[in-house]
């Protein structure tokens, strides 16, 4: 059984204890946007310029939500960094599909936009793509060690608490660890995503079920793995329209033991 280790709380970005909304329901104050190229091989639209209205606050069921169009690959990122926290995100897919129902919750984001797939900051991705919700992807120069089992053909790795701890990241064993099980809600229904980050450990929870745990979070610099335990929060525009009903964060000192067992 894994033991939950108590760490000191670094409260950068938090004004008080308890859940705090990262969305104000009115505008995108406190966030930066970065819009990638409108066409393959094109020039990025750039920082805080959003002529296509990829990210907007709209009304849905008489309540304000963040709409992400998915029309162009793009990022919306907090201006503050966070560490040692629990995030709860409630979202559902819209009807417009550019490529597929694809997006991601990116955390421990650092450095420049464009480091990851020419659009996003280096970060860890809690994959939101339908059919892959909960997958872990090392974006840019991020690194993690994840217990995983290898597929029979040796091409993919799937998270398993009983698996061998495997190195993930660009230039490592693989960049992606698939989630252990599919807990996604049917299209049109809300999904509840919980992300727990403490020190260099993170836990992905989809609709109340753990399906991924990352350990030894790091960033690769000059061939060495350095600790990565904080950063900005990014949301992706990557092919499908989605609506974010709530995005709340709270500081934590422990990860609930039942999530690690």
C-alpha atoms as a PDB file:
ATOM      1  CA  UNK A   1       0.000   0.000   0.000  1.00  0.00           C
ATOM      2  CA  UNK A   2       1.307   3.419  -0.906  1.00  0.00           C
ATOM      3  CA  UNK A   3       1.711   5.946   1.890  1.00  0.00           C
ATOM      4  CA  UNK A   4       0.487   9.506   1.432  1.00  0.00           C
ATOM      5  CA  UNK A   5       3.378  11.823   2.318  1.00  0.00           C
ATOM      6  CA  UNK A   6       2.661  15.161   3.984  1.00  0.00           C
ATOM      7  CA  UNK A   7       4.446  18.099   2.351  1.00  0.00           C
ATOM      8  CA  UNK A   8       4.543  21.757   3.241  1.00  0.00           C
ATOM      9  CA  UNK A   9       2.032  23.832   1.274  1.00  0.00           C
ATOM     10  CA  UNK A  10       3.368  26.393  -1.151  1.00  0.00           C
ATOM     11  CA  UNK A  11       0.396  28.689  -1.502  1.00  0.00           C
ATOM     12  CA  UNK A  12       1.417  30.835  -4.478  1.00  0.00           C
ATOM     13  CA  UNK A  13      -1.729  31.872  -6.324  1.00  0.00           C
ATOM     14  CA  UNK A  14      -4.117  31.174  -3.446  1.00  0.00           C
ATOM     15  CA  UNK A  15      -5.805  33.926  -1.477  1.00  0.00           C
ATOM     16  CA  UNK A  16      -7.594  31.694   1.004  1.00  0.00           C
ATOM     17  CA  UNK A  17      -8.324  28.090   1.846  1.00  0.00           C
ATOM     18  CA  UNK A  18     -11.122  26.246   0.084  1.00  0.00           C
ATOM     19  CA  UNK A  19     -12.205  25.942  -3.525  1.00  0.00           C
ATOM     20  CA  UNK A  20     -11.637  29.034  -5.625  1.00  0.00           C
ATOM     21  CA  UNK A  21     -12.940  29.506  -9.153  1.00  0.00           C
ATOM     22  CA  UNK A  22     -10.368  30.190 -11.839  1.00  0.00           C
ATOM     23  CA  UNK A  23     -13.181  31.548 -14.043  1.00  0.00           C
ATOM     24  CA  UNK A  24     -14.974  34.785 -13.176  1.00  0.00           C
ATOM     25  CA  UNK A  25     -18.002  34.145 -15.396  1.00  0.00           C
ATOM     26  CA  UNK A  26     -17.579  37.483 -17.186  1.00  0.00           C
ATOM     27  CA  UNK A  27     -14.352  37.582 -19.171  1.00  0.00           C
ATOM     28  CA  UNK A  28     -10.887  36.050 -19.467  1.00  0.00           C
ATOM     29  CA  UNK A  29      -9.179  38.257 -16.901  1.00  0.00           C
ATOM     30  CA  UNK A  30      -6.284  36.395 -15.305  1.00  0.00           C
ATOM     31  CA  UNK A  31      -5.683  34.269 -18.384  1.00  0.00           C
ATOM     32  CA  UNK A  32      -3.484  34.492 -21.482  1.00  0.00           C
ATOM     33  CA  UNK A  33      -4.402  33.015 -24.848  1.00  0.00           C
ATOM     34  CA  UNK A  34      -2.097  31.730 -27.528  1.00  0.00           C
ATOM     35  CA  UNK A  35      -3.587  30.851 -30.921  1.00  0.00           C
ATOM     36  CA  UNK A  36      -1.699  28.566 -33.263  1.00  0.00           C
ATOM     37  CA  UNK A  37      -1.688  28.684 -37.085  1.00  0.00           C
ATOM     38  CA  UNK A  38      -5.035  28.765 -38.860  1.00  0.00           C
ATOM     39  CA  UNK A  39      -3.704  26.288 -41.411  1.00  0.00           C
ATOM     40  CA  UNK A  40      -1.025  23.603 -41.408  1.00  0.00           C
ATOM     41  CA  UNK A  41       2.414  25.113 -41.814  1.00  0.00           C
ATOM     42  CA  UNK A  42       1.120  28.633 -41.237  1.00  0.00           C
ATOM     43  CA  UNK A  43       2.240  31.307 -38.826  1.00  0.00           C
ATOM     44  CA  UNK A  44       0.749  31.297 -35.287  1.00  0.00           C
ATOM     45  CA  UNK A  45      -1.853  33.994 -34.661  1.00  0.00           C
ATOM     46  CA  UNK A  46      -0.027  34.649 -31.404  1.00  0.00           C
ATOM     47  CA  UNK A  47      -0.385  35.847 -27.840  1.00  0.00           C
ATOM     48  CA  UNK A  48      -3.628  37.434 -26.604  1.00  0.00           C
ATOM     49  CA  UNK A  49      -4.949  37.873 -30.139  1.00  0.00           C
ATOM     50  CA  UNK A  50      -8.079  35.826 -30.791  1.00  0.00           C
ATOM     51  CA  UNK A  51      -9.880  37.015 -33.930  1.00  0.00           C
ATOM     52  CA  UNK A  52     -11.736  33.710 -34.305  1.00  0.00           C
ATOM     53  CA  UNK A  53     -13.095  33.893 -30.728  1.00  0.00           C
ATOM     54  CA  UNK A  54     -11.703  30.483 -29.855  1.00  0.00           C
ATOM     55  CA  UNK A  55     -12.142  31.259 -26.138  1.00  0.00           C
ATOM     56  CA  UNK A  56     -15.269  33.098 -25.005  1.00  0.00           C
ATOM     57  CA  UNK A  57     -17.582  33.339 -22.021  1.00  0.00           C
ATOM     58  CA  UNK A  58     -21.141  32.471 -23.088  1.00  0.00           C
ATOM     59  CA  UNK A  59     -24.442  31.538 -21.502  1.00  0.00           C
ATOM     60  CA  UNK A  60     -25.480  27.876 -21.400  1.00  0.00           C
ATOM     61  CA  UNK A  61     -28.609  26.823 -19.543  1.00  0.00           C
ATOM     62  CA  UNK A  62     -28.796  30.392 -18.188  1.00  0.00           C
ATOM     63  CA  UNK A  63     -25.357  30.117 -16.566  1.00  0.00           C
ATOM     64  CA  UNK A  64     -21.992  31.504 -17.712  1.00  0.00           C
ATOM     65  CA  UNK A  65     -19.524  28.945 -19.093  1.00  0.00           C
ATOM     66  CA  UNK A  66     -16.202  29.065 -20.879  1.00  0.00           C
ATOM     67  CA  UNK A  67     -16.672  28.008 -24.492  1.00  0.00           C
ATOM     68  CA  UNK A  68     -13.696  26.581 -26.360  1.00  0.00           C
ATOM     69  CA  UNK A  69     -14.463  26.293 -30.058  1.00  0.00           C
ATOM     70  CA  UNK A  70     -11.810  23.744 -31.014  1.00  0.00           C
ATOM     71  CA  UNK A  71     -11.582  25.418 -34.402  1.00  0.00           C
ATOM     72  CA  UNK A  72      -7.819  25.994 -34.205  1.00  0.00           C
ATOM     73  CA  UNK A  73      -5.146  24.497 -31.970  1.00  0.00           C
ATOM     74  CA  UNK A  74      -4.757  27.020 -29.157  1.00  0.00           C
ATOM     75  CA  UNK A  75      -4.073  27.481 -25.454  1.00  0.00           C
ATOM     76  CA  UNK A  76      -5.658  29.456 -22.682  1.00  0.00           C
ATOM     77  CA  UNK A  77      -3.356  29.614 -19.652  1.00  0.00           C
ATOM     78  CA  UNK A  78      -3.490  31.057 -16.160  1.00  0.00           C
ATOM     79  CA  UNK A  79      -1.145  33.950 -15.559  1.00  0.00           C
ATOM     80  CA  UNK A  80      -0.345  32.547 -12.109  1.00  0.00           C
ATOM     81  CA  UNK A  81       1.531  29.390 -11.221  1.00  0.00           C
ATOM     82  CA  UNK A  82       0.140  26.819  -8.786  1.00  0.00           C
ATOM     83  CA  UNK A  83       1.525  23.929  -6.776  1.00  0.00           C
ATOM     84  CA  UNK A  84       0.140  21.440  -4.258  1.00  0.00           C
ATOM     85  CA  UNK A  85      -3.504  21.648  -5.290  1.00  0.00           C
ATOM     86  CA  UNK A  86      -6.725  19.908  -6.210  1.00  0.00           C
ATOM     87  CA  UNK A  87      -8.515  21.060  -9.355  1.00  0.00           C
ATOM     88  CA  UNK A  88     -12.086  20.168 -10.223  1.00  0.00           C
ATOM     89  CA  UNK A  89     -13.216  20.768 -13.796  1.00  0.00           C
ATOM     90  CA  UNK A  90     -16.767  20.146 -15.002  1.00  0.00           C
ATOM     91  CA  UNK A  91     -17.189  20.147 -18.784  1.00  0.00           C
ATOM     92  CA  UNK A  92     -19.126  18.645 -21.659  1.00  0.00           C
ATOM     93  CA  UNK A  93     -18.718  18.467 -25.410  1.00  0.00           C
ATOM     94  CA  UNK A  94     -20.626  20.709 -27.784  1.00  0.00           C
ATOM     95  CA  UNK A  95     -22.017  19.816 -31.183  1.00  0.00           C
ATOM     96  CA  UNK A  96     -19.276  21.286 -33.368  1.00  0.00           C
ATOM     97  CA  UNK A  97     -16.435  18.922 -34.277  1.00  0.00           C
ATOM     98  CA  UNK A  98     -13.539  20.218 -36.357  1.00  0.00           C
ATOM     99  CA  UNK A  99     -11.437  17.033 -36.213  1.00  0.00           C
ATOM    100  CA  UNK A 100     -12.469  15.009 -33.163  1.00  0.00           C
ATOM    101  CA  UNK A 101     -13.702  15.590 -29.632  1.00  0.00           C
ATOM    102  CA  UNK A 102     -10.276  16.455 -28.321  1.00  0.00           C
ATOM    103  CA  UNK A 103      -8.900  18.762 -25.644  1.00  0.00           C
ATOM    104  CA  UNK A 104      -6.734  18.563 -22.556  1.00  0.00           C
ATOM    105  CA  UNK A 105      -6.156  19.921 -19.078  1.00  0.00           C
ATOM    106  CA  UNK A 106      -2.447  20.814 -18.984  1.00  0.00           C
ATOM    107  CA  UNK A 107      -0.721  21.349 -15.657  1.00  0.00           C
ATOM    108  CA  UNK A 108       2.747  22.252 -14.338  1.00  0.00           C
ATOM    109  CA  UNK A 109       3.030  24.343 -17.511  1.00  0.00           C
ATOM    110  CA  UNK A 110       6.248  26.324 -17.859  1.00  0.00           C
ATOM    111  CA  UNK A 111       8.384  28.154 -20.404  1.00  0.00           C
ATOM    112  CA  UNK A 112       7.236  29.479 -23.746  1.00  0.00           C
ATOM    113  CA  UNK A 113       4.131  28.785 -25.752  1.00  0.00           C
ATOM    114  CA  UNK A 114       4.994  26.606 -28.732  1.00  0.00           C
ATOM    115  CA  UNK A 115       7.339  24.238 -26.895  1.00  0.00           C
ATOM    116  CA  UNK A 116       4.722  21.499 -27.141  1.00  0.00           C
ATOM    117  CA  UNK A 117       3.480  20.617 -30.650  1.00  0.00           C
ATOM    118  CA  UNK A 118       4.223  24.206 -31.728  1.00  0.00           C
ATOM    119  CA  UNK A 119       1.348  25.593 -29.626  1.00  0.00           C
ATOM    120  CA  UNK A 120       1.396  24.692 -25.932  1.00  0.00           C
ATOM    121  CA  UNK A 121       3.856  25.225 -23.094  1.00  0.00           C
ATOM    122  CA  UNK A 122       5.802  22.240 -21.805  1.00  0.00           C
ATOM    123  CA  UNK A 123       3.489  20.550 -19.308  1.00  0.00           C
ATOM    124  CA  UNK A 124       1.749  17.373 -18.227  1.00  0.00           C
ATOM    125  CA  UNK A 125      -1.527  16.687 -19.993  1.00  0.00           C
ATOM    126  CA  UNK A 126      -4.573  15.095 -18.444  1.00  0.00           C
ATOM    127  CA  UNK A 127      -6.083  14.020 -21.736  1.00  0.00           C
ATOM    128  CA  UNK A 128      -9.739  14.911 -22.291  1.00  0.00           C
ATOM    129  CA  UNK A 129     -10.018  13.418 -25.773  1.00  0.00           C
ATOM    130  CA  UNK A 130     -13.058  11.169 -26.020  1.00  0.00           C
ATOM    131  CA  UNK A 131     -12.025   7.544 -25.690  1.00  0.00           C
ATOM    132  CA  UNK A 132      -8.743   8.568 -24.049  1.00  0.00           C
ATOM    133  CA  UNK A 133      -9.966  10.606 -21.090  1.00  0.00           C
ATOM    134  CA  UNK A 134      -7.418  10.404 -18.294  1.00  0.00           C
ATOM    135  CA  UNK A 135      -4.415   9.478 -20.451  1.00  0.00           C
ATOM    136  CA  UNK A 136      -1.122  11.121 -19.460  1.00  0.00           C
ATOM    137  CA  UNK A 137       0.885  12.895 -22.157  1.00  0.00           C
ATOM    138  CA  UNK A 138       4.262  14.523 -21.568  1.00  0.00           C
ATOM    139  CA  UNK A 139       3.988  17.757 -23.533  1.00  0.00           C
ATOM    140  CA  UNK A 140       7.192  19.405 -24.679  1.00  0.00           C
ATOM    141  CA  UNK A 141      10.050  18.765 -22.259  1.00  0.00           C
ATOM    142  CA  UNK A 142       8.071  17.327 -19.349  1.00  0.00           C
ATOM    143  CA  UNK A 143       8.874  13.953 -17.793  1.00  0.00           C
ATOM    144  CA  UNK A 144       7.107  11.464 -15.523  1.00  0.00           C
ATOM    145  CA  UNK A 145       7.489   7.941 -14.198  1.00  0.00           C
ATOM    146  CA  UNK A 146       4.304   5.877 -14.367  1.00  0.00           C
ATOM    147  CA  UNK A 147       3.590   2.249 -13.423  1.00  0.00           C
ATOM    148  CA  UNK A 148       2.563   0.710 -16.737  1.00  0.00           C
ATOM    149  CA  UNK A 149       2.214  -2.508 -18.695  1.00  0.00           C
ATOM    150  CA  UNK A 150       3.306  -2.841 -22.310  1.00  0.00           C
ATOM    151  CA  UNK A 151       0.951  -4.049 -25.009  1.00  0.00           C
ATOM    152  CA  UNK A 152       1.629  -7.345 -26.785  1.00  0.00           C
ATOM    153  CA  UNK A 153       2.935  -5.524 -29.855  1.00  0.00           C
ATOM    154  CA  UNK A 154       5.129  -3.295 -27.689  1.00  0.00           C
ATOM    155  CA  UNK A 155       3.719  -0.095 -29.146  1.00  0.00           C
ATOM    156  CA  UNK A 156       1.642   1.230 -26.264  1.00  0.00           C
ATOM    157  CA  UNK A 157       1.787   1.419 -22.477  1.00  0.00           C
ATOM    158  CA  UNK A 158      -1.177   1.378 -20.110  1.00  0.00           C
ATOM    159  CA  UNK A 159      -1.201   2.608 -16.522  1.00  0.00           C
ATOM    160  CA  UNK A 160      -1.465  -0.172 -13.954  1.00  0.00           C
ATOM    161  CA  UNK A 161      -0.705   0.111 -10.222  1.00  0.00           C
ATOM    162  CA  UNK A 162       1.000  -3.286 -10.510  1.00  0.00           C
ATOM    163  CA  UNK A 163       2.989  -2.320 -13.591  1.00  0.00           C
ATOM    164  CA  UNK A 164       6.675  -1.576 -13.882  1.00  0.00           C
ATOM    165  CA  UNK A 165       7.553   2.059 -13.271  1.00  0.00           C
ATOM    166  CA  UNK A 166       8.321   3.395 -16.758  1.00  0.00           C
ATOM    167  CA  UNK A 167       9.900   6.644 -17.945  1.00  0.00           C
ATOM    168  CA  UNK A 168       7.627   8.839 -20.066  1.00  0.00           C
ATOM    169  CA  UNK A 169       8.493  11.914 -22.092  1.00  0.00           C
ATOM    170  CA  UNK A 170       9.999  12.907 -25.416  1.00  0.00           C
ATOM    171  CA  UNK A 171      13.027  10.682 -26.014  1.00  0.00           C
ATOM    172  CA  UNK A 172      12.018   8.340 -23.166  1.00  0.00           C
ATOM    173  CA  UNK A 173      10.296   4.956 -23.353  1.00  0.00           C
ATOM    174  CA  UNK A 174       7.132   6.628 -24.683  1.00  0.00           C
ATOM    175  CA  UNK A 175       5.432  10.054 -24.516  1.00  0.00           C
ATOM    176  CA  UNK A 176       1.974   8.698 -23.623  1.00  0.00           C
ATOM    177  CA  UNK A 177       0.606   6.417 -20.913  1.00  0.00           C
ATOM    178  CA  UNK A 178      -2.937   5.251 -21.595  1.00  0.00           C
ATOM    179  CA  UNK A 179      -5.486   5.359 -18.793  1.00  0.00           C
ATOM    180  CA  UNK A 180      -6.334   2.142 -16.962  1.00  0.00           C
ATOM    181  CA  UNK A 181     -10.063   2.284 -17.729  1.00  0.00           C
ATOM    182  CA  UNK A 182     -12.695   4.409 -19.489  1.00  0.00           C
ATOM    183  CA  UNK A 183     -14.968   6.383 -17.175  1.00  0.00           C
ATOM    184  CA  UNK A 184     -16.105   9.063 -19.643  1.00  0.00           C
ATOM    185  CA  UNK A 185     -19.737  10.226 -19.610  1.00  0.00           C
ATOM    186  CA  UNK A 186     -21.816   9.837 -22.789  1.00  0.00           C
ATOM    187  CA  UNK A 187     -21.637  12.777 -25.193  1.00  0.00           C
ATOM    188  CA  UNK A 188     -23.943  15.574 -24.087  1.00  0.00           C
ATOM    189  CA  UNK A 189     -23.504  14.797 -20.395  1.00  0.00           C
ATOM    190  CA  UNK A 190     -21.164  16.565 -17.994  1.00  0.00           C
ATOM    191  CA  UNK A 191     -17.801  15.063 -17.071  1.00  0.00           C
ATOM    192  CA  UNK A 192     -16.215  15.779 -13.689  1.00  0.00           C
ATOM    193  CA  UNK A 193     -12.425  15.806 -13.741  1.00  0.00           C
ATOM    194  CA  UNK A 194     -10.438  15.899 -10.508  1.00  0.00           C
ATOM    195  CA  UNK A 195      -6.689  16.464 -10.607  1.00  0.00           C
ATOM    196  CA  UNK A 196      -4.586  16.166  -7.463  1.00  0.00           C
ATOM    197  CA  UNK A 197      -1.006  17.448  -7.524  1.00  0.00           C
ATOM    198  CA  UNK A 198       1.305  17.227  -4.534  1.00  0.00           C
ATOM    199  CA  UNK A 199       5.022  17.583  -4.882  1.00  0.00           C
ATOM    200  CA  UNK A 200       6.037  15.474  -7.879  1.00  0.00           C
ATOM    201  CA  UNK A 201       2.972  13.195  -7.780  1.00  0.00           C
ATOM    202  CA  UNK A 202      -0.297  13.736  -9.647  1.00  0.00           C
ATOM    203  CA  UNK A 203      -3.536  11.730  -9.753  1.00  0.00           C
ATOM    204  CA  UNK A 204      -6.087  11.802 -12.601  1.00  0.00           C
ATOM    205  CA  UNK A 205      -9.689  11.139 -11.551  1.00  0.00           C
ATOM    206  CA  UNK A 206     -12.471  10.893 -14.149  1.00  0.00           C
ATOM    207  CA  UNK A 207     -16.050  10.972 -12.863  1.00  0.00           C
ATOM    208  CA  UNK A 208     -14.930   9.803  -9.441  1.00  0.00           C
ATOM    209  CA  UNK A 209     -12.615   7.008 -10.624  1.00  0.00           C
ATOM    210  CA  UNK A 210      -8.803   7.057 -10.583  1.00  0.00           C
ATOM    211  CA  UNK A 211      -7.334   5.957 -13.908  1.00  0.00           C
ATOM    212  CA  UNK A 212      -3.796   7.415 -13.819  1.00  0.00           C
ATOM    213  CA  UNK A 213      -1.061   8.274 -11.309  1.00  0.00           C
ATOM    214  CA  UNK A 214       2.151  10.085 -12.321  1.00  0.00           C
ATOM    215  CA  UNK A 215       5.274  10.029 -10.177  1.00  0.00           C
ATOM    216  CA  UNK A 216       8.583  11.895 -10.157  1.00  0.00           C
ATOM    217  CA  UNK A 217       7.333  14.759 -12.305  1.00  0.00           C
ATOM    218  CA  UNK A 218      10.201  16.477 -14.032  1.00  0.00           C
ATOM    219  CA  UNK A 219      11.445  18.591 -16.879  1.00  0.00           C
ATOM    220  CA  UNK A 220      14.279  17.616 -19.181  1.00  0.00           C
ATOM    221  CA  UNK A 221      17.060  20.164 -19.479  1.00  0.00           C
ATOM    222  CA  UNK A 222      20.392  19.411 -21.167  1.00  0.00           C
ATOM    223  CA  UNK A 223      19.665  15.708 -20.906  1.00  0.00           C
ATOM    224  CA  UNK A 224      19.009  15.821 -17.154  1.00  0.00           C
ATOM    225  CA  UNK A 225      15.694  15.413 -15.351  1.00  0.00           C
ATOM    226  CA  UNK A 226      15.000  18.285 -12.947  1.00  0.00           C
ATOM    227  CA  UNK A 227      12.073  18.362 -10.484  1.00  0.00           C
ATOM    228  CA  UNK A 228       8.826  19.886 -11.766  1.00  0.00           C
ATOM    229  CA  UNK A 229       6.201  20.468  -9.087  1.00  0.00           C
ATOM    230  CA  UNK A 230       4.437  23.680 -10.081  1.00  0.00           C
ATOM    231  CA  UNK A 231       3.332  25.715 -13.072  1.00  0.00           C
ATOM    232  CA  UNK A 232       0.496  27.328 -14.926  1.00  0.00           C
ATOM    233  CA  UNK A 233      -2.786  25.665 -15.885  1.00  0.00           C
ATOM    234  CA  UNK A 234      -3.623  25.427 -19.593  1.00  0.00           C
ATOM    235  CA  UNK A 235      -6.764  24.313 -21.416  1.00  0.00           C
ATOM    236  CA  UNK A 236      -6.556  23.221 -25.029  1.00  0.00           C
ATOM    237  CA  UNK A 237      -8.509  24.040 -28.135  1.00  0.00           C
ATOM    238  CA  UNK A 238      -7.791  20.982 -30.267  1.00  0.00           C
ATOM    239  CA  UNK A 239     -10.604  19.850 -32.504  1.00  0.00           C
ATOM    240  CA  UNK A 240     -13.880  19.723 -30.586  1.00  0.00           C
ATOM    241  CA  UNK A 241     -16.180  22.330 -29.091  1.00  0.00           C
ATOM    242  CA  UNK A 242     -16.489  22.094 -25.327  1.00  0.00           C
ATOM    243  CA  UNK A 243     -18.084  24.014 -22.497  1.00  0.00           C
ATOM    244  CA  UNK A 244     -16.387  24.406 -19.110  1.00  0.00           C
ATOM    245  CA  UNK A 245     -19.046  24.829 -16.445  1.00  0.00           C
ATOM    246  CA  UNK A 246     -16.688  25.128 -13.497  1.00  0.00           C
ATOM    247  CA  UNK A 247     -12.938  25.155 -12.990  1.00  0.00           C
ATOM    248  CA  UNK A 248     -12.101  25.336  -9.294  1.00  0.00           C
ATOM    249  CA  UNK A 249      -8.885  24.934  -7.344  1.00  0.00           C
ATOM    250  CA  UNK A 250      -7.925  24.495  -3.705  1.00  0.00           C
ATOM    251  CA  UNK A 251      -4.592  24.050  -1.913  1.00  0.00           C
ATOM    252  CA  UNK A 252      -3.864  20.629  -0.418  1.00  0.00           C
ATOM    253  CA  UNK A 253      -1.329  19.203   2.012  1.00  0.00           C
ATOM    254  CA  UNK A 254      -2.051  15.552   1.247  1.00  0.00           C
ATOM    255  CA  UNK A 255      -3.516  13.481  -1.552  1.00  0.00           C
ATOM    256  CA  UNK A 256      -6.453  11.496  -0.136  1.00  0.00           C
ATOM    257  CA  UNK A 257      -5.097   8.060   0.774  1.00  0.00           C
ATOM    258  CA  UNK A 258      -7.958   6.228  -0.949  1.00  0.00           C
ATOM    259  CA  UNK A 259      -6.820   7.643  -4.292  1.00  0.00           C
ATOM    260  CA  UNK A 260      -3.341   6.172  -3.927  1.00  0.00           C
ATOM    261  CA  UNK A 261      -4.285   2.677  -2.772  1.00  0.00           C
END
